[in-house]
Amino acid sequence: ESGGGLVQPGGSLRLSCAASGTIFSMNVMGWYRQAPGKERELVASI
């Protein structure tokens, strides 16, 4: 993953995730997030 960082409220960021190696059928690609003290949750999937 890349693209994270510090941003002010109201700002924008673009995250990227590049896969290397052989993957058979990337059926679903997605992003999850985990804040301190919280469970990991789905952000988006495609």
ModelCIF file with pLDDT and N, C-alpha, C, O atoms, coordinates in Angstrom:
data_MODEL
#
_entry.id   MODEL 
#
_entity.id                         1 
_entity.type                       polymer 
_entity.pdbx_number_of_molecules   1 
#
_entity_poly.entity_id                      1 
_entity_poly.type                           'polypeptide(L)' 
_entity_poly.nstd_linkage                   no 
_entity_poly.nstd_monomer                   no 
_entity_poly.pdbx_seq_one_letter_code       ESGGGLVQPGGSLRLSCAASGTIFSMNVMGWYRQAPGKERELVASI 
_entity_poly.pdbx_seq_one_letter_code_can   ESGGGLVQPGGSLRLSCAASGTIFSMNVMGWYRQAPGKERELVASI 
_entity_poly.pdbx_strand_id                 A 
#
loop_
_entity_poly_seq.entity_id 
_entity_poly_seq.num 
_entity_poly_seq.mon_id 
_entity_poly_seq.hetero 
1 1  GLU n 
1 2  SER n 
1 3  GLY n 
1 4  GLY n 
1 5  GLY n 
1 6  LEU n 
1 7  VAL n 
1 8  GLN n 
1 9  PRO n 
1 10 GLY n 
1 11 GLY n 
1 12 SER n 
1 13 LEU n 
1 14 ARG n 
1 15 LEU n 
1 16 SER n 
1 17 CYS n 
1 18 ALA n 
1 19 ALA n 
1 20 SER n 
1 21 GLY n 
1 22 THR n 
1 23 ILE n 
1 24 PHE n 
1 25 SER n 
1 26 MET n 
1 27 ASN n 
1 28 VAL n 
1 29 MET n 
1 30 GLY n 
1 31 TRP n 
1 32 TYR n 
1 33 ARG n 
1 34 GLN n 
1 35 ALA n 
1 36 PRO n 
1 37 GLY n 
1 38 LYS n 
1 39 GLU n 
1 40 ARG n 
1 41 GLU n 
1 42 LEU n 
1 43 VAL n 
1 44 ALA n 
1 45 SER n 
1 46 ILE n 
#
_struct_asym.id          A 
_struct_asym.entity_id   1 
#
loop_
_ma_qa_metric.id 
_ma_qa_metric.mode 
_ma_qa_metric.name 
_ma_qa_metric.software_group_id 
_ma_qa_metric.type 
1 global pLDDT . pLDDT 
2 local  pLDDT . pLDDT 
#
_ma_qa_metric_global.metric_id      1 
_ma_qa_metric_global.metric_value   94.87 
_ma_qa_metric_global.model_id       1 
_ma_qa_metric_global.ordinal_id     1 
#
loop_
_ma_qa_metric_local.label_asym_id 
_ma_qa_metric_local.label_comp_id 
_ma_qa_metric_local.label_seq_id 
_ma_qa_metric_local.metric_id 
_ma_qa_metric_local.metric_value 
_ma_qa_metric_local.model_id 
_ma_qa_metric_local.ordinal_id 
A GLU 1  2 95.00 1 1  
A SER 2  2 96.00 1 2  
A GLY 3  2 97.00 1 3  
A GLY 4  2 96.00 1 4  
A GLY 5  2 97.00 1 5  
A LEU 6  2 98.00 1 6  
A VAL 7  2 98.00 1 7  
A GLN 8  2 98.00 1 8  
A PRO 9  2 98.00 1 9  
A GLY 10 2 98.00 1 10 
A GLY 11 2 98.00 1 11 
A SER 12 2 98.00 1 12 
A LEU 13 2 98.00 1 13 
A ARG 14 2 98.00 1 14 
A LEU 15 2 98.00 1 15 
A SER 16 2 98.00 1 16 
A CYS 17 2 97.00 1 17 
A ALA 18 2 96.00 1 18 
A ALA 19 2 94.00 1 19 
A SER 20 2 90.00 1 20 
A GLY 21 2 87.00 1 21 
A THR 22 2 85.00 1 22 
A ILE 23 2 82.00 1 23 
A PHE 24 2 80.00 1 24 
A SER 25 2 84.00 1 25 
A MET 26 2 82.00 1 26 
A ASN 27 2 89.00 1 27 
A VAL 28 2 95.00 1 28 
A MET 29 2 96.00 1 29 
A GLY 30 2 97.00 1 30 
A TRP 31 2 98.00 1 31 
A TYR 32 2 98.00 1 32 
A ARG 33 2 98.00 1 33 
A GLN 34 2 98.00 1 34 
A ALA 35 2 96.00 1 35 
A PRO 36 2 92.00 1 36 
A GLY 37 2 94.00 1 37 
A LYS 38 2 96.00 1 38 
A GLU 39 2 97.00 1 39 
A ARG 40 2 97.00 1 40 
A GLU 41 2 98.00 1 41 
A LEU 42 2 98.00 1 42 
A VAL 43 2 98.00 1 43 
A ALA 44 2 98.00 1 44 
A SER 45 2 98.00 1 45 
A ILE 46 2 97.00 1 46 
#
loop_
_atom_site.group_PDB 
_atom_site.id 
_atom_site.type_symbol 
_atom_site.label_atom_id 
_atom_site.label_alt_id 
_atom_site.label_comp_id 
_atom_site.label_asym_id 
_atom_site.label_entity_id 
_atom_site.label_seq_id 
_atom_site.pdbx_PDB_ins_code 
_atom_site.Cartn_x 
_atom_site.Cartn_y 
_atom_site.Cartn_z 
_atom_site.occupancy 
_atom_site.B_iso_or_equiv 
_atom_site.pdbx_formal_charge 
_atom_site.auth_seq_id 
_atom_site.auth_comp_id 
_atom_site.auth_asym_id 
_atom_site.auth_atom_id 
_atom_site.pdbx_PDB_model_num 
ATOM 1   N N  . GLU A 1 1  ? 0.838   -1.202  0.000   1.00 95.00 ? 1  GLU A N  1 
ATOM 2   C CA . GLU A 1 1  ? 0.000   0.000   0.000   1.00 95.00 ? 1  GLU A CA 1 
ATOM 3   C C  . GLU A 1 1  ? 0.871   1.249   0.000   1.00 95.00 ? 1  GLU A C  1 
ATOM 4   O O  . GLU A 1 1  ? 1.998   1.244   0.497   1.00 95.00 ? 1  GLU A O  1 
ATOM 5   N N  . SER A 1 2  ? 0.331   2.303   -0.560  1.00 96.00 ? 2  SER A N  1 
ATOM 6   C CA . SER A 1 2  ? 1.004   3.597   -0.543  1.00 96.00 ? 2  SER A CA 1 
ATOM 7   C C  . SER A 1 2  ? -0.052  4.696   -0.593  1.00 96.00 ? 2  SER A C  1 
ATOM 8   O O  . SER A 1 2  ? -1.214  4.451   -0.919  1.00 96.00 ? 2  SER A O  1 
ATOM 9   N N  . GLY A 1 3  ? 0.379   5.911   -0.263  1.00 97.00 ? 3  GLY A N  1 
ATOM 10  C CA . GLY A 1 3  ? -0.517  7.054   -0.366  1.00 97.00 ? 3  GLY A CA 1 
ATOM 11  C C  . GLY A 1 3  ? -1.048  7.577   0.950   1.00 97.00 ? 3  GLY A C  1 
ATOM 12  O O  . GLY A 1 3  ? -1.709  8.615   0.984   1.00 97.00 ? 3  GLY A O  1 
ATOM 13  N N  . GLY A 1 4  ? -0.767  6.869   2.038   1.00 96.00 ? 4  GLY A N  1 
ATOM 14  C CA . GLY A 1 4  ? -1.232  7.354   3.327   1.00 96.00 ? 4  GLY A CA 1 
ATOM 15  C C  . GLY A 1 4  ? -0.424  8.563   3.782   1.00 96.00 ? 4  GLY A C  1 
ATOM 16  O O  . GLY A 1 4  ? 0.572   8.937   3.163   1.00 96.00 ? 4  GLY A O  1 
ATOM 17  N N  . GLY A 1 5  ? -0.877  9.163   4.876   1.00 97.00 ? 5  GLY A N  1 
ATOM 18  C CA . GLY A 1 5  ? -0.164  10.320  5.405   1.00 97.00 ? 5  GLY A CA 1 
ATOM 19  C C  . GLY A 1 5  ? -1.059  11.181  6.257   1.00 97.00 ? 5  GLY A C  1 
ATOM 20  O O  . GLY A 1 5  ? -2.151  10.778  6.659   1.00 97.00 ? 5  GLY A O  1 
ATOM 21  N N  . LEU A 1 6  ? -0.576  12.373  6.522   1.00 98.00 ? 6  LEU A N  1 
ATOM 22  C CA . LEU A 1 6  ? -1.305  13.348  7.330   1.00 98.00 ? 6  LEU A CA 1 
ATOM 23  C C  . LEU A 1 6  ? -2.036  14.316  6.410   1.00 98.00 ? 6  LEU A C  1 
ATOM 24  O O  . LEU A 1 6  ? -1.456  14.863  5.472   1.00 98.00 ? 6  LEU A O  1 
ATOM 25  N N  . VAL A 1 7  ? -3.305  14.516  6.694   1.00 98.00 ? 7  VAL A N  1 
ATOM 26  C CA . VAL A 1 7  ? -4.110  15.430  5.893   1.00 98.00 ? 7  VAL A CA 1 
ATOM 27  C C  . VAL A 1 7  ? -5.044  16.189  6.817   1.00 98.00 ? 7  VAL A C  1 
ATOM 28  O O  . VAL A 1 7  ? -5.461  15.666  7.850   1.00 98.00 ? 7  VAL A O  1 
ATOM 29  N N  . GLN A 1 8  ? -5.369  17.402  6.455   1.00 98.00 ? 8  GLN A N  1 
ATOM 30  C CA . GLN A 1 8  ? -6.295  18.200  7.260   1.00 98.00 ? 8  GLN A CA 1 
ATOM 31  C C  . GLN A 1 8  ? -7.735  17.775  7.000   1.00 98.00 ? 8  GLN A C  1 
ATOM 32  O O  . GLN A 1 8  ? -8.047  17.244  5.934   1.00 98.00 ? 8  GLN A O  1 
ATOM 33  N N  . PRO A 1 9  ? -8.605  18.005  7.967   1.00 98.00 ? 9  PRO A N  1 
ATOM 34  C CA . PRO A 1 9  ? -10.033 17.705  7.746   1.00 98.00 ? 9  PRO A CA 1 
ATOM 35  C C  . PRO A 1 9  ? -10.539 18.402  6.492   1.00 98.00 ? 9  PRO A C  1 
ATOM 36  O O  . PRO A 1 9  ? -10.238 19.569  6.240   1.00 98.00 ? 9  PRO A O  1 
ATOM 37  N N  . GLY A 1 10 ? -11.317 17.656  5.712   1.00 98.00 ? 10 GLY A N  1 
ATOM 38  C CA . GLY A 1 10 ? -11.817 18.167  4.447   1.00 98.00 ? 10 GLY A CA 1 
ATOM 39  C C  . GLY A 1 10 ? -10.906 17.893  3.277   1.00 98.00 ? 10 GLY A C  1 
ATOM 40  O O  . GLY A 1 10 ? -11.281 18.132  2.130   1.00 98.00 ? 10 GLY A O  1 
ATOM 41  N N  . GLY A 1 11 ? -9.714  17.397  3.548   1.00 98.00 ? 11 GLY A N  1 
ATOM 42  C CA . GLY A 1 11 ? -8.751  17.120  2.492   1.00 98.00 ? 11 GLY A CA 1 
ATOM 43  C C  . GLY A 1 11 ? -8.983  15.783  1.814   1.00 98.00 ? 11 GLY A C  1 
ATOM 44  O O  . GLY A 1 11 ? -9.945  15.070  2.098   1.00 98.00 ? 11 GLY A O  1 
ATOM 45  N N  . SER A 1 12 ? -8.065  15.468  0.903   1.00 98.00 ? 12 SER A N  1 
ATOM 46  C CA . SER A 1 12 ? -8.182  14.247  0.106   1.00 98.00 ? 12 SER A CA 1 
ATOM 47  C C  . SER A 1 12 ? -6.876  13.465  0.116   1.00 98.00 ? 12 SER A C  1 
ATOM 48  O O  . SER A 1 12 ? -5.791  14.028  0.269   1.00 98.00 ? 12 SER A O  1 
ATOM 49  N N  . LEU A 1 13 ? -7.007  12.181  -0.048  1.00 98.00 ? 13 LEU A N  1 
ATOM 50  C CA . LEU A 1 13 ? -5.869  11.288  -0.236  1.00 98.00 ? 13 LEU A CA 1 
ATOM 51  C C  . LEU A 1 13 ? -6.269  10.209  -1.232  1.00 98.00 ? 13 LEU A C  1 
ATOM 52  O O  . LEU A 1 13 ? -7.442  9.857   -1.354  1.00 98.00 ? 13 LEU A O  1 
ATOM 53  N N  . ARG A 1 14 ? -5.271  9.693   -1.938  1.00 98.00 ? 14 ARG A N  1 
ATOM 54  C CA . ARG A 1 14 ? -5.505  8.559   -2.829  1.00 98.00 ? 14 ARG A CA 1 
ATOM 55  C C  . ARG A 1 14 ? -4.579  7.435   -2.429  1.00 98.00 ? 14 ARG A C  1 
ATOM 56  O O  . ARG A 1 14 ? -3.356  7.558   -2.509  1.00 98.00 ? 14 ARG A O  1 
ATOM 57  N N  . LEU A 1 15 ? -5.170  6.340   -1.998  1.00 98.00 ? 15 LEU A N  1 
ATOM 58  C CA . LEU A 1 15 ? -4.397  5.160   -1.631  1.00 98.00 ? 15 LEU A CA 1 
ATOM 59  C C  . LEU A 1 15 ? -4.266  4.231   -2.833  1.00 98.00 ? 15 LEU A C  1 
ATOM 60  O O  . LEU A 1 15 ? -5.176  4.098   -3.651  1.00 98.00 ? 15 LEU A O  1 
ATOM 61  N N  . SER A 1 16 ? -3.110  3.600   -2.906  1.00 98.00 ? 16 SER A N  1 
ATOM 62  C CA . SER A 1 16 ? -2.879  2.600   -3.951  1.00 98.00 ? 16 SER A CA 1 
ATOM 63  C C  . SER A 1 16 ? -2.388  1.321   -3.304  1.00 98.00 ? 16 SER A C  1 
ATOM 64  O O  . SER A 1 16 ? -1.726  1.347   -2.267  1.00 98.00 ? 16 SER A O  1 
ATOM 65  N N  . CYS A 1 17 ? -2.718  0.213   -3.922  1.00 97.00 ? 17 CYS A N  1 
ATOM 66  C CA . CYS A 1 17 ? -2.236  -1.082  -3.450  1.00 97.00 ? 17 CYS A CA 1 
ATOM 67  C C  . CYS A 1 17 ? -1.854  -1.904  -4.669  1.00 97.00 ? 17 CYS A C  1 
ATOM 68  O O  . CYS A 1 17 ? -2.701  -2.255  -5.490  1.00 97.00 ? 17 CYS A O  1 
ATOM 69  N N  . ALA A 1 18 ? -0.580  -2.202  -4.772  1.00 96.00 ? 18 ALA A N  1 
ATOM 70  C CA . ALA A 1 18 ? -0.082  -2.978  -5.906  1.00 96.00 ? 18 ALA A CA 1 
ATOM 71  C C  . ALA A 1 18 ? 0.283   -4.376  -5.450  1.00 96.00 ? 18 ALA A C  1 
ATOM 72  O O  . ALA A 1 18 ? 0.977   -4.558  -4.450  1.00 96.00 ? 18 ALA A O  1 
ATOM 73  N N  . ALA A 1 19 ? -0.187  -5.351  -6.189  1.00 94.00 ? 19 ALA A N  1 
ATOM 74  C CA . ALA A 1 19 ? 0.101   -6.747  -5.875  1.00 94.00 ? 19 ALA A CA 1 
ATOM 75  C C  . ALA A 1 19 ? 1.216   -7.265  -6.766  1.00 94.00 ? 19 ALA A C  1 
ATOM 76  O O  . ALA A 1 19 ? 1.277   -6.948  -7.954  1.00 94.00 ? 19 ALA A O  1 
ATOM 77  N N  . SER A 1 20 ? 2.087   -8.056  -6.185  1.00 90.00 ? 20 SER A N  1 
ATOM 78  C CA . SER A 1 20 ? 3.125   -8.713  -6.966  1.00 90.00 ? 20 SER A CA 1 
ATOM 79  C C  . SER A 1 20 ? 3.029   -10.212 -6.743  1.00 90.00 ? 20 SER A C  1 
ATOM 80  O O  . SER A 1 20 ? 2.504   -10.669 -5.727  1.00 90.00 ? 20 SER A O  1 
ATOM 81  N N  . GLY A 1 21 ? 3.542   -10.972 -7.706  1.00 87.00 ? 21 GLY A N  1 
ATOM 82  C CA . GLY A 1 21 ? 3.431   -12.415 -7.617  1.00 87.00 ? 21 GLY A CA 1 
ATOM 83  C C  . GLY A 1 21 ? 2.223   -12.912 -8.396  1.00 87.00 ? 21 GLY A C  1 
ATOM 84  O O  . GLY A 1 21 ? 1.455   -12.127 -8.951  1.00 87.00 ? 21 GLY A O  1 
ATOM 85  N N  . THR A 1 22 ? 2.075   -14.184 -8.426  1.00 85.00 ? 22 THR A N  1 
ATOM 86  C CA . THR A 1 22 ? 0.988   -14.803 -9.188  1.00 85.00 ? 22 THR A CA 1 
ATOM 87  C C  . THR A 1 22 ? -0.245  -14.965 -8.318  1.00 85.00 ? 22 THR A C  1 
ATOM 88  O O  . THR A 1 22 ? -0.204  -15.616 -7.274  1.00 85.00 ? 22 THR A O  1 
ATOM 89  N N  . ILE A 1 23 ? -1.350  -14.361 -8.762  1.00 82.00 ? 23 ILE A N  1 
ATOM 90  C CA . ILE A 1 23 ? -2.625  -14.481 -8.061  1.00 82.00 ? 23 ILE A CA 1 
ATOM 91  C C  . ILE A 1 23 ? -3.649  -15.034 -9.038  1.00 82.00 ? 23 ILE A C  1 
ATOM 92  O O  . ILE A 1 23 ? -3.878  -14.465 -10.106 1.00 82.00 ? 23 ILE A O  1 
ATOM 93  N N  . PHE A 1 24 ? -4.250  -16.129 -8.668  1.00 80.00 ? 24 PHE A N  1 
ATOM 94  C CA . PHE A 1 24 ? -5.240  -16.751 -9.528  1.00 80.00 ? 24 PHE A CA 1 
ATOM 95  C C  . PHE A 1 24 ? -6.592  -16.130 -9.245  1.00 80.00 ? 24 PHE A C  1 
ATOM 96  O O  . PHE A 1 24 ? -7.177  -16.329 -8.181  1.00 80.00 ? 24 PHE A O  1 
ATOM 97  N N  . SER A 1 25 ? -7.079  -15.370 -10.224 1.00 84.00 ? 25 SER A N  1 
ATOM 98  C CA . SER A 1 25 ? -8.416  -14.779 -10.137 1.00 84.00 ? 25 SER A CA 1 
ATOM 99  C C  . SER A 1 25 ? -8.581  -13.851 -8.938  1.00 84.00 ? 25 SER A C  1 
ATOM 100 O O  . SER A 1 25 ? -8.986  -14.284 -7.859  1.00 84.00 ? 25 SER A O  1 
ATOM 101 N N  . MET A 1 26 ? -8.269  -12.591 -9.133  1.00 82.00 ? 26 MET A N  1 
ATOM 102 C CA . MET A 1 26 ? -8.487  -11.584 -8.089  1.00 82.00 ? 26 MET A CA 1 
ATOM 103 C C  . MET A 1 26 ? -9.969  -11.245 -8.074  1.00 82.00 ? 26 MET A C  1 
ATOM 104 O O  . MET A 1 26 ? -10.400 -10.263 -8.677  1.00 82.00 ? 26 MET A O  1 
ATOM 105 N N  . ASN A 1 27 ? -10.738 -12.064 -7.382  1.00 89.00 ? 27 ASN A N  1 
ATOM 106 C CA . ASN A 1 27 ? -12.190 -11.930 -7.450  1.00 89.00 ? 27 ASN A CA 1 
ATOM 107 C C  . ASN A 1 27 ? -12.681 -10.613 -6.859  1.00 89.00 ? 27 ASN A C  1 
ATOM 108 O O  . ASN A 1 27 ? -13.462 -9.894  -7.483  1.00 89.00 ? 27 ASN A O  1 
ATOM 109 N N  . VAL A 1 28 ? -12.222 -10.311 -5.672  1.00 95.00 ? 28 VAL A N  1 
ATOM 110 C CA . VAL A 1 28 ? -12.633 -9.084  -4.997  1.00 95.00 ? 28 VAL A CA 1 
ATOM 111 C C  . VAL A 1 28 ? -11.383 -8.389  -4.456  1.00 95.00 ? 28 VAL A C  1 
ATOM 112 O O  . VAL A 1 28 ? -10.531 -9.015  -3.825  1.00 95.00 ? 28 VAL A O  1 
ATOM 113 N N  . MET A 1 29 ? -11.293 -7.111  -4.710  1.00 96.00 ? 29 MET A N  1 
ATOM 114 C CA . MET A 1 29 ? -10.220 -6.294  -4.143  1.00 96.00 ? 29 MET A CA 1 
ATOM 115 C C  . MET A 1 29 ? -10.868 -5.263  -3.238  1.00 96.00 ? 29 MET A C  1 
ATOM 116 O O  . MET A 1 29 ? -11.929 -4.722  -3.549  1.00 96.00 ? 29 MET A O  1 
ATOM 117 N N  . GLY A 1 30 ? -10.222 -4.999  -2.124  1.00 97.00 ? 30 GLY A N  1 
ATOM 118 C CA . GLY A 1 30 ? -10.871 -4.092  -1.197  1.00 97.00 ? 30 GLY A CA 1 
ATOM 119 C C  . GLY A 1 30 ? -9.934  -3.396  -0.252  1.00 97.00 ? 30 GLY A C  1 
ATOM 120 O O  . GLY A 1 30 ? -8.734  -3.665  -0.198  1.00 97.00 ? 30 GLY A O  1 
ATOM 121 N N  . TRP A 1 31 ? -10.527 -2.489  0.492   1.00 98.00 ? 31 TRP A N  1 
ATOM 122 C CA . TRP A 1 31 ? -9.825  -1.751  1.541   1.00 98.00 ? 31 TRP A CA 1 
ATOM 123 C C  . TRP A 1 31 ? -10.572 -1.906  2.857   1.00 98.00 ? 31 TRP A C  1 
ATOM 124 O O  . TRP A 1 31 ? -11.795 -1.788  2.915   1.00 98.00 ? 31 TRP A O  1 
ATOM 125 N N  . TYR A 1 32 ? -9.814  -2.171  3.903   1.00 98.00 ? 32 TYR A N  1 
ATOM 126 C CA . TYR A 1 32 ? -10.337 -2.208  5.253   1.00 98.00 ? 32 TYR A CA 1 
ATOM 127 C C  . TYR A 1 32 ? -9.554  -1.181  6.071   1.00 98.00 ? 32 TYR A C  1 
ATOM 128 O O  . TYR A 1 32 ? -8.496  -0.710  5.653   1.00 98.00 ? 32 TYR A O  1 
ATOM 129 N N  . ARG A 1 33 ? -10.081 -0.851  7.216   1.00 98.00 ? 33 ARG A N  1 
ATOM 130 C CA . ARG A 1 33 ? -9.359  0.046   8.098   1.00 98.00 ? 33 ARG A CA 1 
ATOM 131 C C  . ARG A 1 33 ? -9.538  -0.384  9.545   1.00 98.00 ? 33 ARG A C  1 
ATOM 132 O O  . ARG A 1 33 ? -10.518 -1.034  9.911   1.00 98.00 ? 33 ARG A O  1 
ATOM 133 N N  . GLN A 1 34 ? -8.561  0.000   10.350  1.00 98.00 ? 34 GLN A N  1 
ATOM 134 C CA . GLN A 1 34 ? -8.628  -0.300  11.766  1.00 98.00 ? 34 GLN A CA 1 
ATOM 135 C C  . GLN A 1 34 ? -8.101  0.895   12.546  1.00 98.00 ? 34 GLN A C  1 
ATOM 136 O O  . GLN A 1 34 ? -6.936  1.273   12.419  1.00 98.00 ? 34 GLN A O  1 
ATOM 137 N N  . ALA A 1 35 ? -8.963  1.473   13.343  1.00 96.00 ? 35 ALA A N  1 
ATOM 138 C CA . ALA A 1 35 ? -8.581  2.583   14.210  1.00 96.00 ? 35 ALA A CA 1 
ATOM 139 C C  . ALA A 1 35 ? -8.157  2.019   15.570  1.00 96.00 ? 35 ALA A C  1 
ATOM 140 O O  . ALA A 1 35 ? -8.555  0.909   15.922  1.00 96.00 ? 35 ALA A O  1 
ATOM 141 N N  . PRO A 1 36 ? -7.365  2.761   16.331  1.00 92.00 ? 36 PRO A N  1 
ATOM 142 C CA . PRO A 1 36 ? -6.925  2.280   17.653  1.00 92.00 ? 36 PRO A CA 1 
ATOM 143 C C  . PRO A 1 36 ? -8.100  1.898   18.536  1.00 92.00 ? 36 PRO A C  1 
ATOM 144 O O  . PRO A 1 36 ? -9.036  2.677   18.720  1.00 92.00 ? 36 PRO A O  1 
ATOM 145 N N  . GLY A 1 37 ? -8.039  0.684   19.084  1.00 94.00 ? 37 GLY A N  1 
ATOM 146 C CA . GLY A 1 37 ? -9.077  0.231   19.984  1.00 94.00 ? 37 GLY A CA 1 
ATOM 147 C C  . GLY A 1 37 ? -10.354 -0.232  19.311  1.00 94.00 ? 37 GLY A C  1 
ATOM 148 O O  . GLY A 1 37 ? -11.329 -0.561  19.987  1.00 94.00 ? 37 GLY A O  1 
ATOM 149 N N  . LYS A 1 38 ? -10.358 -0.262  17.979  1.00 96.00 ? 38 LYS A N  1 
ATOM 150 C CA . LYS A 1 38 ? -11.560 -0.671  17.264  1.00 96.00 ? 38 LYS A CA 1 
ATOM 151 C C  . LYS A 1 38 ? -11.264 -1.881  16.381  1.00 96.00 ? 38 LYS A C  1 
ATOM 152 O O  . LYS A 1 38 ? -10.109 -2.196  16.095  1.00 96.00 ? 38 LYS A O  1 
ATOM 153 N N  . GLU A 1 39 ? -12.323 -2.542  15.964  1.00 97.00 ? 39 GLU A N  1 
ATOM 154 C CA . GLU A 1 39 ? -12.182 -3.691  15.086  1.00 97.00 ? 39 GLU A CA 1 
ATOM 155 C C  . GLU A 1 39 ? -11.941 -3.232  13.647  1.00 97.00 ? 39 GLU A C  1 
ATOM 156 O O  . GLU A 1 39 ? -12.299 -2.119  13.260  1.00 97.00 ? 39 GLU A O  1 
ATOM 157 N N  . ARG A 1 40 ? -11.331 -4.111  12.881  1.00 97.00 ? 40 ARG A N  1 
ATOM 158 C CA . ARG A 1 40 ? -11.128 -3.823  11.471  1.00 97.00 ? 40 ARG A CA 1 
ATOM 159 C C  . ARG A 1 40 ? -12.495 -3.832  10.771  1.00 97.00 ? 40 ARG A C  1 
ATOM 160 O O  . ARG A 1 40 ? -13.338 -4.691  11.029  1.00 97.00 ? 40 ARG A O  1 
ATOM 161 N N  . GLU A 1 41 ? -12.685 -2.863  9.892   1.00 98.00 ? 41 GLU A N  1 
ATOM 162 C CA . GLU A 1 41 ? -13.973 -2.754  9.199   1.00 98.00 ? 41 GLU A CA 1 
ATOM 163 C C  . GLU A 1 41 ? -13.766 -2.536  7.708   1.00 98.00 ? 41 GLU A C  1 
ATOM 164 O O  . GLU A 1 41 ? -12.739 -2.015  7.274   1.00 98.00 ? 41 GLU A O  1 
ATOM 165 N N  . LEU A 1 42 ? -14.756 -2.942  6.940   1.00 98.00 ? 42 LEU A N  1 
ATOM 166 C CA . LEU A 1 42 ? -14.701 -2.761  5.500   1.00 98.00 ? 42 LEU A CA 1 
ATOM 167 C C  . LEU A 1 42 ? -14.894 -1.292  5.147   1.00 98.00 ? 42 LEU A C  1 
ATOM 168 O O  . LEU A 1 42 ? -15.818 -0.640  5.632   1.00 98.00 ? 42 LEU A O  1 
ATOM 169 N N  . VAL A 1 43 ? -14.020 -0.790  4.306   1.00 98.00 ? 43 VAL A N  1 
ATOM 170 C CA . VAL A 1 43 ? -14.175 0.554   3.762   1.00 98.00 ? 43 VAL A CA 1 
ATOM 171 C C  . VAL A 1 43 ? -14.856 0.476   2.398   1.00 98.00 ? 43 VAL A C  1 
ATOM 172 O O  . VAL A 1 43 ? -15.864 1.138   2.154   1.00 98.00 ? 43 VAL A O  1 
ATOM 173 N N  . ALA A 1 44 ? -14.290 -0.339  1.519   1.00 98.00 ? 44 ALA A N  1 
ATOM 174 C CA . ALA A 1 44 ? -14.844 -0.474  0.170   1.00 98.00 ? 44 ALA A CA 1 
ATOM 175 C C  . ALA A 1 44 ? -14.294 -1.729  -0.477  1.00 98.00 ? 44 ALA A C  1 
ATOM 176 O O  . ALA A 1 44 ? -13.198 -2.187  -0.154  1.00 98.00 ? 44 ALA A O  1 
ATOM 177 N N  . SER A 1 45 ? -15.070 -2.273  -1.391  1.00 98.00 ? 45 SER A N  1 
ATOM 178 C CA . SER A 1 45 ? -14.612 -3.425  -2.158  1.00 98.00 ? 45 SER A CA 1 
ATOM 179 C C  . SER A 1 45 ? -15.126 -3.324  -3.586  1.00 98.00 ? 45 SER A C  1 
ATOM 180 O O  . SER A 1 45 ? -16.113 -2.645  -3.869  1.00 98.00 ? 45 SER A O  1 
ATOM 181 N N  . ILE A 1 46 ? -14.430 -4.020  -4.476  1.00 97.00 ? 46 ILE A N  1 
ATOM 182 C CA . ILE A 1 46 ? -14.822 -4.004  -5.886  1.00 97.00 ? 46 ILE A CA 1 
ATOM 183 C C  . ILE A 1 46 ? -14.575 -5.386  -6.473  1.00 97.00 ? 46 ILE A C  1 
ATOM 184 O O  . ILE A 1 46 ? -14.834 -5.609  -7.656  1.00 97.00 ? 46 ILE A O  1 
#
